[in-house]
Amino acid sequence: YRQVPGKQRELVAAITNDGSTNYADSVKGRFTISGGNAKNTVYLQMNS
């Protein structure tokens, strides 16, 4: 999630333990979430 001063925290990207992902429209095609529960670590690759 991300937050800027004066605004609500918003979802950027999420991944479930079956590998399903979802993204905010504003980051689709630029950000990629990977990892998750089985690896105990989650990553967010942010491009452009």
All heavy atoms as atom14 arrays in JSON, in Angstrom:
{
  "sequence": "YRQVPGKQRELVAAITNDGSTNYADSVKGRFTISGGNAKNTVYLQMNS",
  "atom14_mask": [
    [1, 1, 1, 1, 1, 1, 1, 1, 1, 1, 1, 1, 0, 0],
    [1, 1, 1, 1, 1, 1, 1, 1, 1, 1, 1, 0, 0, 0],
    [1, 1, 1, 1, 1, 1, 1, 1, 1, 0, 0, 0, 0, 0],
    [1, 1, 1, 1, 1, 1, 1, 0, 0, 0, 0, 0, 0, 0],
    [1, 1, 1, 1, 1, 1, 1, 0, 0, 0, 0, 0, 0, 0],
    [1, 1, 1, 1, 0, 0, 0, 0, 0, 0, 0, 0, 0, 0],
    [1, 1, 1, 1, 1, 1, 1, 1, 1, 0, 0, 0, 0, 0],
    [1, 1, 1, 1, 1, 1, 1, 1, 1, 0, 0, 0, 0, 0],
    [1, 1, 1, 1, 1, 1, 1, 1, 1, 1, 1, 0, 0, 0],
    [1, 1, 1, 1, 1, 1, 1, 1, 1, 0, 0, 0, 0, 0],
    [1, 1, 1, 1, 1, 1, 1, 1, 0, 0, 0, 0, 0, 0],
    [1, 1, 1, 1, 1, 1, 1, 0, 0, 0, 0, 0, 0, 0],
    [1, 1, 1, 1, 1, 0, 0, 0, 0, 0, 0, 0, 0, 0],
    [1, 1, 1, 1, 1, 0, 0, 0, 0, 0, 0, 0, 0, 0],
    [1, 1, 1, 1, 1, 1, 1, 1, 0, 0, 0, 0, 0, 0],
    [1, 1, 1, 1, 1, 1, 1, 0, 0, 0, 0, 0, 0, 0],
    [1, 1, 1, 1, 1, 1, 1, 1, 0, 0, 0, 0, 0, 0],
    [1, 1, 1, 1, 1, 1, 1, 1, 0, 0, 0, 0, 0, 0],
    [1, 1, 1, 1, 0, 0, 0, 0, 0, 0, 0, 0, 0, 0],
    [1, 1, 1, 1, 1, 1, 0, 0, 0, 0, 0, 0, 0, 0],
    [1, 1, 1, 1, 1, 1, 1, 0, 0, 0, 0, 0, 0, 0],
    [1, 1, 1, 1, 1, 1, 1, 1, 0, 0, 0, 0, 0, 0],
    [1, 1, 1, 1, 1, 1, 1, 1, 1, 1, 1, 1, 0, 0],
    [1, 1, 1, 1, 1, 0, 0, 0, 0, 0, 0, 0, 0, 0],
    [1, 1, 1, 1, 1, 1, 1, 1, 0, 0, 0, 0, 0, 0],
    [1, 1, 1, 1, 1, 1, 0, 0, 0, 0, 0, 0, 0, 0],
    [1, 1, 1, 1, 1, 1, 1, 0, 0, 0, 0, 0, 0, 0],
    [1, 1, 1, 1, 1, 1, 1, 1, 1, 0, 0, 0, 0, 0],
    [1, 1, 1, 1, 0, 0, 0, 0, 0, 0, 0, 0, 0, 0],
    [1, 1, 1, 1, 1, 1, 1, 1, 1, 1, 1, 0, 0, 0],
    [1, 1, 1, 1, 1, 1, 1, 1, 1, 1, 1, 0, 0, 0],
    [1, 1, 1, 1, 1, 1, 1, 0, 0, 0, 0, 0, 0, 0],
    [1, 1, 1, 1, 1, 1, 1, 1, 0, 0, 0, 0, 0, 0],
    [1, 1, 1, 1, 1, 1, 0, 0, 0, 0, 0, 0, 0, 0],
    [1, 1, 1, 1, 0, 0, 0, 0, 0, 0, 0, 0, 0, 0],
    [1, 1, 1, 1, 0, 0, 0, 0, 0, 0, 0, 0, 0, 0],
    [1, 1, 1, 1, 1, 1, 1, 1, 0, 0, 0, 0, 0, 0],
    [1, 1, 1, 1, 1, 0, 0, 0, 0, 0, 0, 0, 0, 0],
    [1, 1, 1, 1, 1, 1, 1, 1, 1, 0, 0, 0, 0, 0],
    [1, 1, 1, 1, 1, 1, 1, 1, 0, 0, 0, 0, 0, 0],
    [1, 1, 1, 1, 1, 1, 1, 0, 0, 0, 0, 0, 0, 0],
    [1, 1, 1, 1, 1, 1, 1, 0, 0, 0, 0, 0, 0, 0],
    [1, 1, 1, 1, 1, 1, 1, 1, 1, 1, 1, 1, 0, 0],
    [1, 1, 1, 1, 1, 1, 1, 1, 0, 0, 0, 0, 0, 0],
    [1, 1, 1, 1, 1, 1, 1, 1, 1, 0, 0, 0, 0, 0],
    [1, 1, 1, 1, 1, 1, 1, 1, 0, 0, 0, 0, 0, 0],
    [1, 1, 1, 1, 1, 1, 1, 1, 0, 0, 0, 0, 0, 0],
    [1, 1, 1, 1, 1, 1, 0, 0, 0, 0, 0, 0, 0, 0]
  ],
  "atom14_positions": [
    [[0.86, -1.17, 0.0], [0.0, 0.0, 0.0], [0.9, 1.23, 0.0], [2.08, 1.13, 0.33], [-0.89, 0.03, 1.25], [-1.99, -0.98, 1.25], [-1.71, -2.34, 1.41], [-3.33, -0.6, 1.12], [-2.73, -3.28, 1.42], [-4.35, -1.53, 1.14], [-4.05, -2.86, 1.29], [-5.06, -3.79, 1.3], [0.0, 0.0, 0.0], [0.0, 0.0, 0.0]],
    [[0.34, 2.37, -0.34], [1.1, 3.61, -0.25], [0.2, 4.73, 0.26], [-1.01, 4.68, 0.13], [1.7, 3.98, -1.61], [0.71, 4.32, -2.7], [1.43, 4.51, -4.03], [0.52, 4.86, -5.11], [0.86, 4.92, -6.4], [2.13, 4.65, -6.76], [-0.04, 5.24, -7.32], [0.0, 0.0, 0.0], [0.0, 0.0, 0.0], [0.0, 0.0, 0.0]],
    [[0.88, 5.72, 0.83], [0.14, 6.84, 1.42], [0.95, 8.12, 1.27], [2.16, 8.12, 1.49], [-0.14, 6.56, 2.9], [-1.07, 7.57, 3.55], [-1.5, 7.12, 4.94], [-0.84, 6.34, 5.61], [-2.66, 7.6, 5.37], [0.0, 0.0, 0.0], [0.0, 0.0, 0.0], [0.0, 0.0, 0.0], [0.0, 0.0, 0.0], [0.0, 0.0, 0.0]],
    [[0.24, 9.18, 0.9], [0.82, 10.51, 0.89], [0.1, 11.34, 1.94], [-1.05, 11.05, 2.29], [0.73, 11.17, -0.5], [1.52, 10.37, -1.53], [-0.73, 11.31, -0.94], [0.0, 0.0, 0.0], [0.0, 0.0, 0.0], [0.0, 0.0, 0.0], [0.0, 0.0, 0.0], [0.0, 0.0, 0.0], [0.0, 0.0, 0.0], [0.0, 0.0, 0.0]],
    [[0.76, 12.38, 2.45], [0.13, 13.19, 3.5], [-1.24, 13.73, 3.07], [-1.39, 14.22, 1.95], [1.13, 14.32, 3.71], [2.44, 13.72, 3.33], [2.14, 12.81, 2.19], [0.0, 0.0, 0.0], [0.0, 0.0, 0.0], [0.0, 0.0, 0.0], [0.0, 0.0, 0.0], [0.0, 0.0, 0.0], [0.0, 0.0, 0.0], [0.0, 0.0, 0.0]],
    [[-2.2, 13.59, 3.96], [-3.53, 14.12, 3.71], [-4.43, 13.21, 2.89], [-5.59, 13.56, 2.63], [0.0, 0.0, 0.0], [0.0, 0.0, 0.0], [0.0, 0.0, 0.0], [0.0, 0.0, 0.0], [0.0, 0.0, 0.0], [0.0, 0.0, 0.0], [0.0, 0.0, 0.0], [0.0, 0.0, 0.0], [0.0, 0.0, 0.0], [0.0, 0.0, 0.0]],
    [[-3.92, 12.06, 2.5], [-4.73, 11.12, 1.72], [-4.79, 9.77, 2.4], [-3.94, 9.43, 3.23], [-4.17, 10.98, 0.3], [-4.31, 12.24, -0.55], [-3.99, 11.94, -2.0], [-4.23, 13.16, -2.87], [-3.97, 12.87, -4.32], [0.0, 0.0, 0.0], [0.0, 0.0, 0.0], [0.0, 0.0, 0.0], [0.0, 0.0, 0.0], [0.0, 0.0, 0.0]],
    [[-5.8, 9.0, 2.02], [-5.94, 7.65, 2.57], [-4.89, 6.72, 1.98], [-4.44, 6.9, 0.86], [-7.34, 7.11, 2.26], [-8.44, 7.7, 3.11], [-9.76, 6.96, 2.94], [-10.04, 6.41, 1.88], [-10.54, 6.93, 3.99], [0.0, 0.0, 0.0], [0.0, 0.0, 0.0], [0.0, 0.0, 0.0], [0.0, 0.0, 0.0], [0.0, 0.0, 0.0]],
    [[-4.55, 5.74, 2.78], [-3.64, 4.7, 2.3], [-4.36, 3.93, 1.2], [-5.55, 3.58, 1.34], [-3.27, 3.78, 3.46], [-2.11, 2.86, 3.2], [-1.68, 2.16, 4.49], [-1.16, 3.12, 5.47], [-0.59, 2.73, 6.61], [-0.49, 1.44, 6.91], [-0.15, 3.63, 7.47], [0.0, 0.0, 0.0], [0.0, 0.0, 0.0], [0.0, 0.0, 0.0]],
    [[-3.66, 3.64, 0.1], [-4.29, 2.96, -1.02], [-3.52, 1.7, -1.4], [-2.29, 1.65, -1.27], [-4.37, 3.88, -2.25], [-3.04, 4.32, -2.81], [-3.17, 5.1, -4.1], [-4.3, 5.37, -4.56], [-2.12, 5.43, -4.69], [0.0, 0.0, 0.0], [0.0, 0.0, 0.0], [0.0, 0.0, 0.0], [0.0, 0.0, 0.0], [0.0, 0.0, 0.0]],
    [[-4.27, 0.72, -1.87], [-3.65, -0.52, -2.33], [-2.89, -0.26, -3.62], [-3.4, 0.37, -4.55], [-4.72, -1.59, -2.58], [-4.21, -2.89, -3.19], [-3.35, -3.65, -2.19], [-5.39, -3.74, -3.65], [0.0, 0.0, 0.0], [0.0, 0.0, 0.0], [0.0, 0.0, 0.0], [0.0, 0.0, 0.0], [0.0, 0.0, 0.0], [0.0, 0.0, 0.0]],
    [[-1.66, -0.78, -3.67], [-0.85, -0.72, -4.88], [-0.9, -2.06, -5.6], [-1.19, -2.14, -6.79], [0.61, -0.34, -4.56], [1.46, -0.36, -5.83], [0.67, 1.02, -3.88], [0.0, 0.0, 0.0], [0.0, 0.0, 0.0], [0.0, 0.0, 0.0], [0.0, 0.0, 0.0], [0.0, 0.0, 0.0], [0.0, 0.0, 0.0], [0.0, 0.0, 0.0]],
    [[-0.6, -3.12, -4.86], [-0.58, -4.46, -5.45], [-0.66, -5.48, -4.33], [-0.21, -5.22, -3.21], [0.69, -4.69, -6.27], [0.0, 0.0, 0.0], [0.0, 0.0, 0.0], [0.0, 0.0, 0.0], [0.0, 0.0, 0.0], [0.0, 0.0, 0.0], [0.0, 0.0, 0.0], [0.0, 0.0, 0.0], [0.0, 0.0, 0.0], [0.0, 0.0, 0.0]],
    [[-1.22, -6.64, -4.64], [-1.32, -7.71, -3.66], [-1.18, -9.05, -4.35], [-1.45, -9.18, -5.55], [-2.66, -7.62, -2.92], [0.0, 0.0, 0.0], [0.0, 0.0, 0.0], [0.0, 0.0, 0.0], [0.0, 0.0, 0.0], [0.0, 0.0, 0.0], [0.0, 0.0, 0.0], [0.0, 0.0, 0.0], [0.0, 0.0, 0.0], [0.0, 0.0, 0.0]],
    [[-0.73, -10.03, -3.55], [-0.59, -11.39, -4.06], [-1.11, -12.35, -3.01], [-0.8, -12.21, -1.82], [0.89, -11.68, -4.44], [1.03, -13.06, -5.08], [1.83, -11.53, -3.25], [2.38, -13.26, -5.77], [0.0, 0.0, 0.0], [0.0, 0.0, 0.0], [0.0, 0.0, 0.0], [0.0, 0.0, 0.0], [0.0, 0.0, 0.0], [0.0, 0.0, 0.0]],
    [[-1.9, -13.32, -3.42], [-2.41, -14.32, -2.5], [-1.54, -15.57, -2.54], [-0.67, -15.7, -3.42], [-3.86, -14.69, -2.84], [-3.88, -15.2, -4.18], [-4.77, -13.49, -2.73], [0.0, 0.0, 0.0], [0.0, 0.0, 0.0], [0.0, 0.0, 0.0], [0.0, 0.0, 0.0], [0.0, 0.0, 0.0], [0.0, 0.0, 0.0], [0.0, 0.0, 0.0]],
    [[-1.78, -16.5, -1.61], [-0.88, -17.64, -1.55], [-1.11, -18.65, -2.67], [-0.37, -19.63, -2.77], [-0.91, -18.31, -0.18], [-2.29, -18.79, 0.18], [-3.19, -18.78, -0.63], [-2.47, -19.21, 1.42], [0.0, 0.0, 0.0], [0.0, 0.0, 0.0], [0.0, 0.0, 0.0], [0.0, 0.0, 0.0], [0.0, 0.0, 0.0], [0.0, 0.0, 0.0]],
    [[-2.1, -18.42, -3.52], [-2.24, -19.25, -4.72], [-1.64, -18.55, -5.94], [-1.75, -19.03, -7.07], [-3.71, -19.6, -4.99], [-4.55, -18.38, -5.35], [-4.02, -17.24, -5.32], [-5.75, -18.56, -5.64], [0.0, 0.0, 0.0], [0.0, 0.0, 0.0], [0.0, 0.0, 0.0], [0.0, 0.0, 0.0], [0.0, 0.0, 0.0], [0.0, 0.0, 0.0]],
    [[-0.99, -17.41, -5.7], [-0.31, -16.7, -6.77], [-1.13, -15.66, -7.5], [-0.62, -14.98, -8.4], [0.0, 0.0, 0.0], [0.0, 0.0, 0.0], [0.0, 0.0, 0.0], [0.0, 0.0, 0.0], [0.0, 0.0, 0.0], [0.0, 0.0, 0.0], [0.0, 0.0, 0.0], [0.0, 0.0, 0.0], [0.0, 0.0, 0.0], [0.0, 0.0, 0.0]],
    [[-2.38, -15.51, -7.13], [-3.23, -14.49, -7.77], [-2.76, -13.1, -7.38], [-2.4, -12.86, -6.22], [-4.68, -14.68, -7.36], [-5.16, -15.93, -7.77], [0.0, 0.0, 0.0], [0.0, 0.0, 0.0], [0.0, 0.0, 0.0], [0.0, 0.0, 0.0], [0.0, 0.0, 0.0], [0.0, 0.0, 0.0], [0.0, 0.0, 0.0], [0.0, 0.0, 0.0]],
    [[-2.77, -12.2, -8.34], [-2.32, -10.84, -8.09], [-3.39, -9.84, -8.51], [-4.25, -10.13, -9.35], [-1.04, -10.52, -8.87], [-1.28, -10.7, -10.27], [0.11, -11.42, -8.44], [0.0, 0.0, 0.0], [0.0, 0.0, 0.0], [0.0, 0.0, 0.0], [0.0, 0.0, 0.0], [0.0, 0.0, 0.0], [0.0, 0.0, 0.0], [0.0, 0.0, 0.0]],
    [[-3.34, -8.68, -7.89], [-4.17, -7.58, -8.36], [-3.4, -6.28, -8.15], [-2.55, -6.17, -7.25], [-5.54, -7.53, -7.7], [-5.51, -7.24, -6.23], [-5.0, -8.03, -5.46], [-6.04, -6.1, -5.83], [0.0, 0.0, 0.0], [0.0, 0.0, 0.0], [0.0, 0.0, 0.0], [0.0, 0.0, 0.0], [0.0, 0.0, 0.0], [0.0, 0.0, 0.0]],
    [[-3.69, -5.31, -8.99], [-2.95, -4.05, -9.03], [-3.9, -2.88, -9.11], [-4.98, -2.96, -9.7], [-2.04, -4.0, -10.27], [-0.95, -5.02, -10.3], [-1.15, -6.27, -10.87], [0.3, -4.75, -9.74], [-0.14, -7.22, -10.91], [1.31, -5.68, -9.76], [1.08, -6.92, -10.34], [2.09, -7.86, -10.36], [0.0, 0.0, 0.0], [0.0, 0.0, 0.0]],
    [[-3.45, -1.77, -8.56], [-4.16, -0.51, -8.79], [-4.03, -0.16, -10.27], [-3.0, -0.42, -10.89], [-3.57, 0.6, -7.93], [0.0, 0.0, 0.0], [0.0, 0.0, 0.0], [0.0, 0.0, 0.0], [0.0, 0.0, 0.0], [0.0, 0.0, 0.0], [0.0, 0.0, 0.0], [0.0, 0.0, 0.0], [0.0, 0.0, 0.0], [0.0, 0.0, 0.0]],
    [[-5.07, 0.45, -10.82], [-5.04, 0.81, -12.24], [-3.85, 1.72, -12.56], [-3.26, 1.64, -13.64], [-6.34, 1.52, -12.62], [-7.52, 0.58, -12.7], [-7.3, -0.65, -12.77], [-8.67, 1.06, -12.69], [0.0, 0.0, 0.0], [0.0, 0.0, 0.0], [0.0, 0.0, 0.0], [0.0, 0.0, 0.0], [0.0, 0.0, 0.0], [0.0, 0.0, 0.0]],
    [[-3.49, 2.57, -11.61], [-2.44, 3.55, -11.86], [-1.05, 2.93, -12.0], [-0.13, 3.59, -12.48], [-2.41, 4.57, -10.72], [-2.17, 3.94, -9.48], [0.0, 0.0, 0.0], [0.0, 0.0, 0.0], [0.0, 0.0, 0.0], [0.0, 0.0, 0.0], [0.0, 0.0, 0.0], [0.0, 0.0, 0.0], [0.0, 0.0, 0.0], [0.0, 0.0, 0.0]],
    [[-0.89, 1.66, -11.6], [0.43, 1.03, -11.66], [0.48, -0.16, -12.6], [1.55, -0.74, -12.81], [0.93, 0.62, -10.26], [0.87, 1.8, -9.3], [0.17, -0.57, -9.72], [0.0, 0.0, 0.0], [0.0, 0.0, 0.0], [0.0, 0.0, 0.0], [0.0, 0.0, 0.0], [0.0, 0.0, 0.0], [0.0, 0.0, 0.0], [0.0, 0.0, 0.0]],
    [[-0.65, -0.54, -13.17], [-0.68, -1.7, -14.06], [0.27, -1.49, -15.24], [0.3, -0.42, -15.84], [-2.09, -1.94, -14.57], [-3.01, -2.59, -13.56], [-4.41, -2.8, -14.13], [-5.33, -3.43, -13.09], [-6.72, -3.57, -13.6], [0.0, 0.0, 0.0], [0.0, 0.0, 0.0], [0.0, 0.0, 0.0], [0.0, 0.0, 0.0], [0.0, 0.0, 0.0]],
    [[1.04, -2.51, -15.52], [2.0, -2.44, -16.61], [3.33, -1.85, -16.21], [4.29, -1.91, -16.98], [0.0, 0.0, 0.0], [0.0, 0.0, 0.0], [0.0, 0.0, 0.0], [0.0, 0.0, 0.0], [0.0, 0.0, 0.0], [0.0, 0.0, 0.0], [0.0, 0.0, 0.0], [0.0, 0.0, 0.0], [0.0, 0.0, 0.0], [0.0, 0.0, 0.0]],
    [[3.42, -1.26, -15.03], [4.68, -0.67, -14.56], [5.23, -1.38, -13.32], [6.45, -1.47, -13.16], [4.47, 0.81, -14.23], [3.99, 1.65, -15.39], [3.99, 3.14, -15.05], [3.08, 3.47, -13.95], [3.46, 4.05, -12.81], [4.7, 4.39, -12.62], [2.55, 4.33, -11.88], [0.0, 0.0, 0.0], [0.0, 0.0, 0.0], [0.0, 0.0, 0.0]],
    [[4.36, -1.84, -12.45], [4.77, -2.48, -11.2], [4.47, -3.98, -11.28], [3.47, -4.4, -11.87], [4.02, -1.91, -10.01], [4.37, -0.48, -9.65], [5.13, 0.32, -10.48], [3.91, 0.06, -8.46], [5.45, 1.63, -10.15], [4.21, 1.36, -8.11], [4.97, 2.14, -8.95], [0.0, 0.0, 0.0], [0.0, 0.0, 0.0], [0.0, 0.0, 0.0]],
    [[5.31, -4.76, -10.62], [5.1, -6.2, -10.55], [5.33, -6.67, -9.12], [6.39, -6.41, -8.54], [6.05, -6.95, -11.49], [5.86, -6.48, -12.83], [5.76, -8.46, -11.45], [0.0, 0.0, 0.0], [0.0, 0.0, 0.0], [0.0, 0.0, 0.0], [0.0, 0.0, 0.0], [0.0, 0.0, 0.0], [0.0, 0.0, 0.0], [0.0, 0.0, 0.0]],
    [[4.36, -7.38, -8.59], [4.5, -7.97, -7.26], [4.85, -9.44, -7.41], [4.36, -10.12, -8.32], [3.22, -7.79, -6.42], [3.46, -8.17, -4.96], [2.03, -8.53, -7.01], [2.32, -7.77, -4.02], [0.0, 0.0, 0.0], [0.0, 0.0, 0.0], [0.0, 0.0, 0.0], [0.0, 0.0, 0.0], [0.0, 0.0, 0.0], [0.0, 0.0, 0.0]],
    [[5.74, -9.92, -6.55], [6.13, -11.33, -6.6], [6.47, -11.8, -5.2], [6.58, -11.01, -4.26], [7.32, -11.51, -7.54], [8.45, -10.78, -7.08], [0.0, 0.0, 0.0], [0.0, 0.0, 0.0], [0.0, 0.0, 0.0], [0.0, 0.0, 0.0], [0.0, 0.0, 0.0], [0.0, 0.0, 0.0], [0.0, 0.0, 0.0], [0.0, 0.0, 0.0]],
    [[6.67, -13.12, -5.09], [6.97, -13.71, -3.8], [5.69, -14.1, -3.11], [4.75, -14.55, -3.73], [0.0, 0.0, 0.0], [0.0, 0.0, 0.0], [0.0, 0.0, 0.0], [0.0, 0.0, 0.0], [0.0, 0.0, 0.0], [0.0, 0.0, 0.0], [0.0, 0.0, 0.0], [0.0, 0.0, 0.0], [0.0, 0.0, 0.0], [0.0, 0.0, 0.0]],
    [[5.66, -13.93, -1.79], [4.46, -14.28, -1.05], [4.74, -15.24, 0.06], [5.88, -15.51, 0.42], [0.0, 0.0, 0.0], [0.0, 0.0, 0.0], [0.0, 0.0, 0.0], [0.0, 0.0, 0.0], [0.0, 0.0, 0.0], [0.0, 0.0, 0.0], [0.0, 0.0, 0.0], [0.0, 0.0, 0.0], [0.0, 0.0, 0.0], [0.0, 0.0, 0.0]],
    [[3.7, -15.82, 0.59], [3.78, -16.55, 1.84], [4.82, -17.66, 1.85], [5.59, -17.78, 2.78], [2.41, -17.14, 2.16], [2.43, -17.9, 3.46], [2.95, -17.44, 4.47], [1.9, -19.11, 3.44], [0.0, 0.0, 0.0], [0.0, 0.0, 0.0], [0.0, 0.0, 0.0], [0.0, 0.0, 0.0], [0.0, 0.0, 0.0], [0.0, 0.0, 0.0]],
    [[4.84, -18.47, 0.83], [5.74, -19.62, 0.82], [7.2, -19.21, 0.93], [8.02, -19.95, 1.46], [5.52, -20.46, -0.42], [0.0, 0.0, 0.0], [0.0, 0.0, 0.0], [0.0, 0.0, 0.0], [0.0, 0.0, 0.0], [0.0, 0.0, 0.0], [0.0, 0.0, 0.0], [0.0, 0.0, 0.0], [0.0, 0.0, 0.0], [0.0, 0.0, 0.0]],
    [[7.52, -18.03, 0.45], [8.9, -17.56, 0.49], [9.11, -16.56, 1.6], [10.2, -16.02, 1.75], [9.28, -16.95, -0.85], [9.18, -17.95, -2.01], [9.59, -17.31, -3.34], [9.49, -18.3, -4.47], [9.88, -17.7, -5.77], [0.0, 0.0, 0.0], [0.0, 0.0, 0.0], [0.0, 0.0, 0.0], [0.0, 0.0, 0.0], [0.0, 0.0, 0.0]],
    [[8.1, -16.25, 2.36], [8.18, -15.32, 3.48], [8.61, -13.92, 3.08], [8.86, -13.1, 3.97], [9.15, -15.83, 4.55], [8.79, -17.21, 5.03], [7.64, -17.62, 4.96], [9.77, -17.94, 5.5], [0.0, 0.0, 0.0], [0.0, 0.0, 0.0], [0.0, 0.0, 0.0], [0.0, 0.0, 0.0], [0.0, 0.0, 0.0], [0.0, 0.0, 0.0]],
    [[8.75, -13.66, 1.83], [9.19, -12.34, 1.36], [8.36, -11.95, 0.14], [8.08, -12.81, -0.7], [10.68, -12.36, 0.98], [11.45, -12.77, 2.12], [11.15, -10.98, 0.55], [0.0, 0.0, 0.0], [0.0, 0.0, 0.0], [0.0, 0.0, 0.0], [0.0, 0.0, 0.0], [0.0, 0.0, 0.0], [0.0, 0.0, 0.0], [0.0, 0.0, 0.0]],
    [[7.99, -10.7, 0.08], [7.27, -10.2, -1.08], [8.04, -9.02, -1.65], [8.64, -8.25, -0.9], [5.82, -9.83, -0.72], [5.75, -8.67, 0.24], [5.0, -9.58, -1.97], [0.0, 0.0, 0.0], [0.0, 0.0, 0.0], [0.0, 0.0, 0.0], [0.0, 0.0, 0.0], [0.0, 0.0, 0.0], [0.0, 0.0, 0.0], [0.0, 0.0, 0.0]],
    [[8.03, -8.92, -2.95], [8.77, -7.87, -3.64], [7.82, -7.02, -4.47], [6.78, -7.49, -4.93], [9.82, -8.48, -4.57], [10.77, -9.41, -3.89], [10.53, -10.79, -3.88], [11.91, -8.93, -3.25], [11.41, -11.65, -3.26], [12.79, -9.79, -2.62], [12.54, -11.15, -2.63], [13.41, -12.0, -2.0], [0.0, 0.0, 0.0], [0.0, 0.0, 0.0]],
    [[8.21, -5.79, -4.68], [7.49, -4.93, -5.59], [8.51, -4.28, -6.52], [9.3, -3.44, -6.09], [6.71, -3.84, -4.84], [5.82, -2.96, -5.72], [4.66, -3.77, -6.31], [5.27, -1.76, -4.94], [0.0, 0.0, 0.0], [0.0, 0.0, 0.0], [0.0, 0.0, 0.0], [0.0, 0.0, 0.0], [0.0, 0.0, 0.0], [0.0, 0.0, 0.0]],
    [[8.51, -4.74, -7.77], [9.38, -4.14, -8.77], [8.64, -2.98, -9.4], [7.55, -3.15, -9.95], [9.75, -5.17, -9.85], [10.6, -4.62, -10.97], [11.99, -4.21, -10.5], [12.62, -4.91, -9.72], [12.47, -3.06, -10.98], [0.0, 0.0, 0.0], [0.0, 0.0, 0.0], [0.0, 0.0, 0.0], [0.0, 0.0, 0.0], [0.0, 0.0, 0.0]],
    [[9.22, -1.8, -9.31], [8.57, -0.59, -9.81], [9.41, -0.01, -10.94], [10.56, 0.38, -10.72], [8.43, 0.43, -8.67], [7.71, -0.11, -7.45], [7.4, 1.15, -6.18], [9.07, 1.5, -5.66], [0.0, 0.0, 0.0], [0.0, 0.0, 0.0], [0.0, 0.0, 0.0], [0.0, 0.0, 0.0], [0.0, 0.0, 0.0], [0.0, 0.0, 0.0]],
    [[8.84, 0.01, -12.11], [9.51, 0.55, -13.3], [8.76, 1.78, -13.81], [7.6, 2.01, -13.45], [9.57, -0.5, -14.4], [10.35, -1.74, -14.0], [11.31, -1.65, -13.23], [9.94, -2.88, -14.51], [0.0, 0.0, 0.0], [0.0, 0.0, 0.0], [0.0, 0.0, 0.0], [0.0, 0.0, 0.0], [0.0, 0.0, 0.0], [0.0, 0.0, 0.0]],
    [[9.44, 2.53, -14.65], [8.82, 3.74, -15.24], [8.17, 4.61, -14.18], [7.03, 5.05, -14.32], [7.79, 3.32, -16.3], [8.38, 2.53, -17.31], [0.0, 0.0, 0.0], [0.0, 0.0, 0.0], [0.0, 0.0, 0.0], [0.0, 0.0, 0.0], [0.0, 0.0, 0.0], [0.0, 0.0, 0.0], [0.0, 0.0, 0.0], [0.0, 0.0, 0.0]]
  ]
}
